[in-house]
Amino acid sequence: MYVQLDFVVTTNMRFITWGMHTDMEKPVKDGENPEDVNPKTAVRMILLRAIAMGGQTKVLEYGDVPGEGEHVPVEMERYDFTFNEGLYKVHRRRKTKKNGDFAKTWDSH
């Protein structure tokens, strides 16, 4: 099942007209970026990704991170969106150093 949701976030009628009437998408040649050929696709993907990433982030574990403080998130889940995969959940956990301390960088899977 697919759902299309349109937001009109401007009072600029020329922009609304451009956004409501889509030209036929052009085929992408080798080496071309789809967003360069079909700019509306890029705008749509940026908006959907922002909505997905701006949603709920669930913190699964807190810990002490040197240089960042005590009781900071060290493991969490959030959502992301890409054109090829759609909406999916991202599980992130901070990397650990050899001494067992949490690092500032994250592993995602």
N, C-alpha and C. Protein backbone atom coordinates (compact mmCIF):
# COMPACT_ATOMS: atom_id res chain seq x y z
N MET A 1 0.84 -1.17 0.00
CA MET A 1 0.00 0.00 0.00
C MET A 1 0.90 1.24 0.00
N TYR A 2 0.59 2.19 -0.85
CA TYR A 2 1.35 3.42 -0.94
C TYR A 2 0.43 4.59 -0.64
N VAL A 3 0.97 5.59 0.05
CA VAL A 3 0.21 6.78 0.39
C VAL A 3 1.00 7.99 -0.08
N GLN A 4 0.33 8.94 -0.72
CA GLN A 4 0.98 10.17 -1.11
C GLN A 4 0.41 11.29 -0.28
N LEU A 5 1.28 12.08 0.31
CA LEU A 5 0.87 13.19 1.15
C LEU A 5 1.52 14.45 0.61
N ASP A 6 0.73 15.43 0.25
CA ASP A 6 1.25 16.68 -0.31
C ASP A 6 1.12 17.79 0.73
N PHE A 7 2.22 18.52 0.95
CA PHE A 7 2.23 19.68 1.82
C PHE A 7 2.45 20.92 0.95
N VAL A 8 1.68 21.95 1.17
CA VAL A 8 1.90 23.22 0.48
C VAL A 8 2.36 24.19 1.55
N VAL A 9 3.65 24.53 1.51
CA VAL A 9 4.26 25.30 2.59
C VAL A 9 4.67 26.70 2.13
N THR A 10 3.97 27.25 1.16
CA THR A 10 4.30 28.57 0.65
C THR A 10 3.04 29.26 0.14
N THR A 11 3.10 30.57 0.06
CA THR A 11 2.01 31.33 -0.55
C THR A 11 2.39 31.78 -1.95
N ASN A 12 3.55 31.36 -2.43
CA ASN A 12 4.03 31.71 -3.77
C ASN A 12 3.31 30.83 -4.78
N MET A 13 2.40 31.40 -5.55
CA MET A 13 1.58 30.62 -6.48
C MET A 13 2.40 29.98 -7.60
N ARG A 14 3.48 30.63 -8.02
CA ARG A 14 4.32 30.02 -9.07
C ARG A 14 4.98 28.75 -8.53
N PHE A 15 5.42 28.78 -7.28
CA PHE A 15 6.03 27.59 -6.68
C PHE A 15 4.99 26.48 -6.52
N ILE A 16 3.78 26.83 -6.09
CA ILE A 16 2.72 25.83 -5.93
C ILE A 16 2.40 25.19 -7.27
N THR A 17 2.29 26.01 -8.32
CA THR A 17 2.00 25.48 -9.65
C THR A 17 3.11 24.54 -10.10
N TRP A 18 4.35 24.94 -9.88
CA TRP A 18 5.49 24.08 -10.24
C TRP A 18 5.42 22.77 -9.47
N GLY A 19 5.07 22.85 -8.19
CA GLY A 19 5.03 21.66 -7.35
C GLY A 19 3.87 20.72 -7.65
N MET A 20 2.75 21.26 -8.12
CA MET A 20 1.57 20.44 -8.34
C MET A 20 1.55 19.75 -9.71
N HIS A 21 2.25 20.30 -10.67
CA HIS A 21 2.24 19.75 -12.03
C HIS A 21 3.63 19.23 -12.36
N THR A 22 3.77 17.96 -12.43
CA THR A 22 5.05 17.33 -12.67
C THR A 22 5.24 17.01 -14.14
N ASP A 23 6.38 17.42 -14.67
CA ASP A 23 6.73 17.01 -16.02
C ASP A 23 7.10 15.53 -15.97
N MET A 24 7.03 14.89 -17.11
CA MET A 24 7.44 13.49 -17.18
C MET A 24 8.91 13.38 -16.78
N GLU A 25 9.22 12.45 -15.89
CA GLU A 25 10.61 12.30 -15.45
C GLU A 25 11.48 11.85 -16.61
N LYS A 26 12.66 12.43 -16.67
CA LYS A 26 13.60 12.11 -17.74
C LYS A 26 14.46 10.93 -17.32
N PRO A 27 14.82 10.06 -18.26
CA PRO A 27 15.70 8.94 -17.91
C PRO A 27 17.08 9.45 -17.53
N VAL A 28 17.71 8.76 -16.62
CA VAL A 28 19.04 9.13 -16.13
C VAL A 28 20.08 8.40 -16.97
N LYS A 29 21.01 9.17 -17.52
CA LYS A 29 22.09 8.58 -18.30
C LYS A 29 23.20 8.13 -17.35
N ASP A 30 24.08 7.28 -17.82
CA ASP A 30 25.21 6.83 -17.00
C ASP A 30 26.01 8.04 -16.52
N GLY A 31 26.29 8.08 -15.24
CA GLY A 31 27.09 9.15 -14.67
C GLY A 31 26.29 10.35 -14.22
N GLU A 32 24.99 10.41 -14.54
CA GLU A 32 24.16 11.52 -14.12
C GLU A 32 23.54 11.24 -12.76
N ASN A 33 23.35 12.27 -12.00
CA ASN A 33 22.71 12.18 -10.70
C ASN A 33 21.20 12.36 -10.90
N PRO A 34 20.36 11.46 -10.39
CA PRO A 34 18.91 11.58 -10.59
C PRO A 34 18.34 12.92 -10.12
N GLU A 35 18.93 13.50 -9.06
CA GLU A 35 18.42 14.77 -8.55
C GLU A 35 18.73 15.92 -9.49
N ASP A 36 19.79 15.80 -10.32
CA ASP A 36 20.09 16.85 -11.28
C ASP A 36 19.13 16.81 -12.46
N VAL A 37 18.71 15.62 -12.85
CA VAL A 37 17.81 15.46 -13.99
C VAL A 37 16.36 15.75 -13.59
N ASN A 38 15.97 15.30 -12.43
CA ASN A 38 14.60 15.46 -11.93
C ASN A 38 14.63 16.16 -10.58
N PRO A 39 14.72 17.51 -10.56
CA PRO A 39 14.90 18.22 -9.29
C PRO A 39 13.74 18.03 -8.31
N LYS A 40 12.53 17.77 -8.79
CA LYS A 40 11.41 17.57 -7.87
C LYS A 40 11.62 16.31 -7.03
N THR A 41 12.27 15.32 -7.61
CA THR A 41 12.57 14.11 -6.86
C THR A 41 13.46 14.45 -5.67
N ALA A 42 14.45 15.30 -5.88
CA ALA A 42 15.36 15.70 -4.80
C ALA A 42 14.60 16.43 -3.70
N VAL A 43 13.73 17.36 -4.08
CA VAL A 43 12.96 18.11 -3.08
C VAL A 43 12.09 17.15 -2.28
N ARG A 44 11.44 16.23 -2.95
CA ARG A 44 10.57 15.26 -2.29
C ARG A 44 11.36 14.39 -1.32
N MET A 45 12.53 13.90 -1.76
CA MET A 45 13.33 13.02 -0.91
C MET A 45 13.88 13.77 0.31
N ILE A 46 14.29 15.02 0.12
CA ILE A 46 14.79 15.82 1.24
C ILE A 46 13.69 16.02 2.28
N LEU A 47 12.49 16.32 1.81
CA LEU A 47 11.37 16.52 2.73
C LEU A 47 11.02 15.24 3.48
N LEU A 48 10.90 14.13 2.76
CA LEU A 48 10.55 12.86 3.41
C LEU A 48 11.63 12.42 4.39
N ARG A 49 12.89 12.62 4.04
CA ARG A 49 13.98 12.24 4.95
C ARG A 49 13.98 13.12 6.20
N ALA A 50 13.72 14.41 6.03
CA ALA A 50 13.65 15.31 7.19
C ALA A 50 12.52 14.91 8.13
N ILE A 51 11.38 14.53 7.56
CA ILE A 51 10.26 14.09 8.40
C ILE A 51 10.62 12.81 9.15
N ALA A 52 11.22 11.86 8.45
CA ALA A 52 11.59 10.58 9.08
C ALA A 52 12.62 10.78 10.19
N MET A 53 13.66 11.58 9.92
CA MET A 53 14.72 11.77 10.90
C MET A 53 14.31 12.68 12.04
N GLY A 54 13.30 13.51 11.79
CA GLY A 54 12.83 14.41 12.84
C GLY A 54 11.84 13.76 13.78
N GLY A 55 11.52 12.52 13.51
CA GLY A 55 10.58 11.79 14.35
C GLY A 55 11.22 11.33 15.65
N GLN A 56 10.66 10.34 16.20
CA GLN A 56 11.08 9.84 17.51
C GLN A 56 12.44 9.18 17.46
N THR A 57 13.29 9.56 18.40
CA THR A 57 14.56 8.87 18.64
C THR A 57 14.41 8.17 19.99
N LYS A 58 14.59 6.88 19.99
CA LYS A 58 14.44 6.10 21.21
C LYS A 58 15.82 5.78 21.76
N VAL A 59 16.13 6.29 22.96
CA VAL A 59 17.41 6.00 23.60
C VAL A 59 17.29 4.67 24.33
N LEU A 60 18.18 3.74 24.00
CA LEU A 60 18.15 2.40 24.59
C LEU A 60 19.10 2.26 25.77
N GLU A 61 20.15 3.05 25.78
CA GLU A 61 21.14 2.94 26.86
C GLU A 61 21.87 4.26 27.04
N TYR A 62 22.15 4.60 28.30
CA TYR A 62 22.94 5.78 28.64
C TYR A 62 24.27 5.31 29.22
N GLY A 63 25.28 6.15 29.12
CA GLY A 63 26.58 5.81 29.69
C GLY A 63 27.43 7.06 29.85
N ASP A 64 28.64 6.86 30.33
CA ASP A 64 29.60 7.94 30.53
C ASP A 64 30.53 8.00 29.33
N VAL A 65 30.62 9.16 28.70
CA VAL A 65 31.48 9.35 27.54
C VAL A 65 32.51 10.41 27.89
N PRO A 66 33.80 10.02 27.95
CA PRO A 66 34.84 11.01 28.27
C PRO A 66 34.79 12.20 27.32
N GLY A 67 34.79 13.40 27.91
CA GLY A 67 34.74 14.61 27.12
C GLY A 67 33.33 15.10 26.81
N GLU A 68 32.33 14.25 27.04
CA GLU A 68 30.94 14.66 26.79
C GLU A 68 30.10 14.64 28.05
N GLY A 69 30.53 13.91 29.04
CA GLY A 69 29.80 13.92 30.30
C GLY A 69 29.25 12.56 30.69
N GLU A 70 28.52 12.58 31.79
CA GLU A 70 27.91 11.37 32.32
C GLU A 70 26.47 11.29 31.85
N HIS A 71 25.97 10.10 31.76
CA HIS A 71 24.56 9.83 31.42
C HIS A 71 24.17 10.45 30.08
N VAL A 72 24.97 10.15 29.05
CA VAL A 72 24.65 10.59 27.69
C VAL A 72 24.24 9.36 26.88
N PRO A 73 23.45 9.53 25.82
CA PRO A 73 23.03 8.37 25.02
C PRO A 73 24.23 7.65 24.39
N VAL A 74 24.26 6.33 24.54
CA VAL A 74 25.32 5.53 23.92
C VAL A 74 24.74 4.49 22.96
N GLU A 75 23.42 4.28 23.02
CA GLU A 75 22.74 3.38 22.09
C GLU A 75 21.34 3.93 21.84
N MET A 76 20.94 3.98 20.54
CA MET A 76 19.63 4.53 20.21
C MET A 76 19.10 3.97 18.91
N GLU A 77 17.82 4.18 18.69
CA GLU A 77 17.16 3.83 17.44
C GLU A 77 16.46 5.07 16.91
N ARG A 78 16.50 5.24 15.61
CA ARG A 78 15.78 6.32 14.95
C ARG A 78 15.39 5.85 13.56
N TYR A 79 14.66 6.65 12.82
CA TYR A 79 14.23 6.30 11.47
C TYR A 79 14.99 7.12 10.44
N ASP A 80 15.06 6.57 9.23
CA ASP A 80 15.65 7.27 8.09
C ASP A 80 14.84 6.89 6.86
N PHE A 81 15.06 7.60 5.76
CA PHE A 81 14.31 7.34 4.54
C PHE A 81 15.23 7.55 3.35
N THR A 82 15.23 6.59 2.43
CA THR A 82 15.91 6.74 1.15
C THR A 82 14.97 6.27 0.06
N PHE A 83 15.21 6.74 -1.14
CA PHE A 83 14.34 6.39 -2.26
C PHE A 83 14.35 4.89 -2.51
N ASN A 84 15.52 4.27 -2.46
CA ASN A 84 15.63 2.85 -2.78
C ASN A 84 15.07 1.94 -1.68
N GLU A 85 15.22 2.33 -0.43
CA GLU A 85 14.84 1.46 0.68
C GLU A 85 13.53 1.87 1.34
N GLY A 86 13.08 3.09 1.15
CA GLY A 86 11.89 3.57 1.83
C GLY A 86 12.21 3.93 3.28
N LEU A 87 11.23 3.81 4.16
CA LEU A 87 11.40 4.12 5.57
C LEU A 87 12.00 2.92 6.28
N TYR A 88 13.06 3.13 7.05
CA TYR A 88 13.68 2.03 7.78
C TYR A 88 14.25 2.53 9.11
N LYS A 89 14.44 1.60 10.03
CA LYS A 89 14.94 1.91 11.36
C LYS A 89 16.46 1.79 11.38
N VAL A 90 17.12 2.73 12.02
CA VAL A 90 18.58 2.73 12.17
C VAL A 90 18.91 2.50 13.64
N HIS A 91 19.73 1.51 13.90
CA HIS A 91 20.19 1.23 15.26
C HIS A 91 21.62 1.75 15.36
N ARG A 92 21.86 2.65 16.32
CA ARG A 92 23.19 3.24 16.48
C ARG A 92 23.74 2.94 17.87
N ARG A 93 25.02 2.61 17.93
CA ARG A 93 25.71 2.40 19.20
C ARG A 93 27.08 3.02 19.11
N ARG A 94 27.50 3.67 20.18
CA ARG A 94 28.83 4.28 20.18
C ARG A 94 29.91 3.21 20.14
N LYS A 95 30.96 3.50 19.41
CA LYS A 95 32.10 2.59 19.37
C LYS A 95 32.77 2.60 20.74
N THR A 96 33.46 1.53 21.05
CA THR A 96 34.19 1.47 22.32
C THR A 96 35.68 1.45 22.06
N LYS A 97 36.41 2.05 22.97
CA LYS A 97 37.87 2.07 22.88
C LYS A 97 38.42 0.79 23.48
N LYS A 98 39.71 0.58 23.33
CA LYS A 98 40.34 -0.63 23.86
C LYS A 98 40.22 -0.72 25.37
N ASN A 99 40.18 0.43 26.05
CA ASN A 99 40.07 0.42 27.52
C ASN A 99 38.62 0.27 27.99
N GLY A 100 37.67 0.14 27.05
CA GLY A 100 36.27 -0.07 27.41
C GLY A 100 35.44 1.20 27.47
N ASP A 101 36.09 2.37 27.39
CA ASP A 101 35.34 3.63 27.39
C ASP A 101 34.60 3.80 26.06
N PHE A 102 33.52 4.55 26.09
CA PHE A 102 32.79 4.85 24.87
C PHE A 102 33.51 5.94 24.09
N ALA A 103 33.53 5.81 22.77
CA ALA A 103 34.13 6.81 21.89
C ALA A 103 33.07 7.83 21.50
N LYS A 104 33.50 8.90 20.82
CA LYS A 104 32.57 9.93 20.37
C LYS A 104 31.89 9.52 19.06
N THR A 105 32.43 8.54 18.35
CA THR A 105 31.87 8.12 17.06
C THR A 105 30.87 6.99 17.24
N TRP A 106 30.03 6.80 16.21
CA TRP A 106 28.94 5.84 16.28
C TRP A 106 29.09 4.76 15.23
N ASP A 107 28.57 3.57 15.53
CA ASP A 107 28.36 2.49 14.56
C ASP A 107 26.87 2.44 14.27
N SER A 108 26.51 2.34 13.00
CA SER A 108 25.10 2.23 12.62
C SER A 108 24.87 0.90 11.91
N HIS A 109 23.75 0.30 12.19
CA HIS A 109 23.34 -0.92 11.47
C HIS A 109 21.84 -1.07 11.55
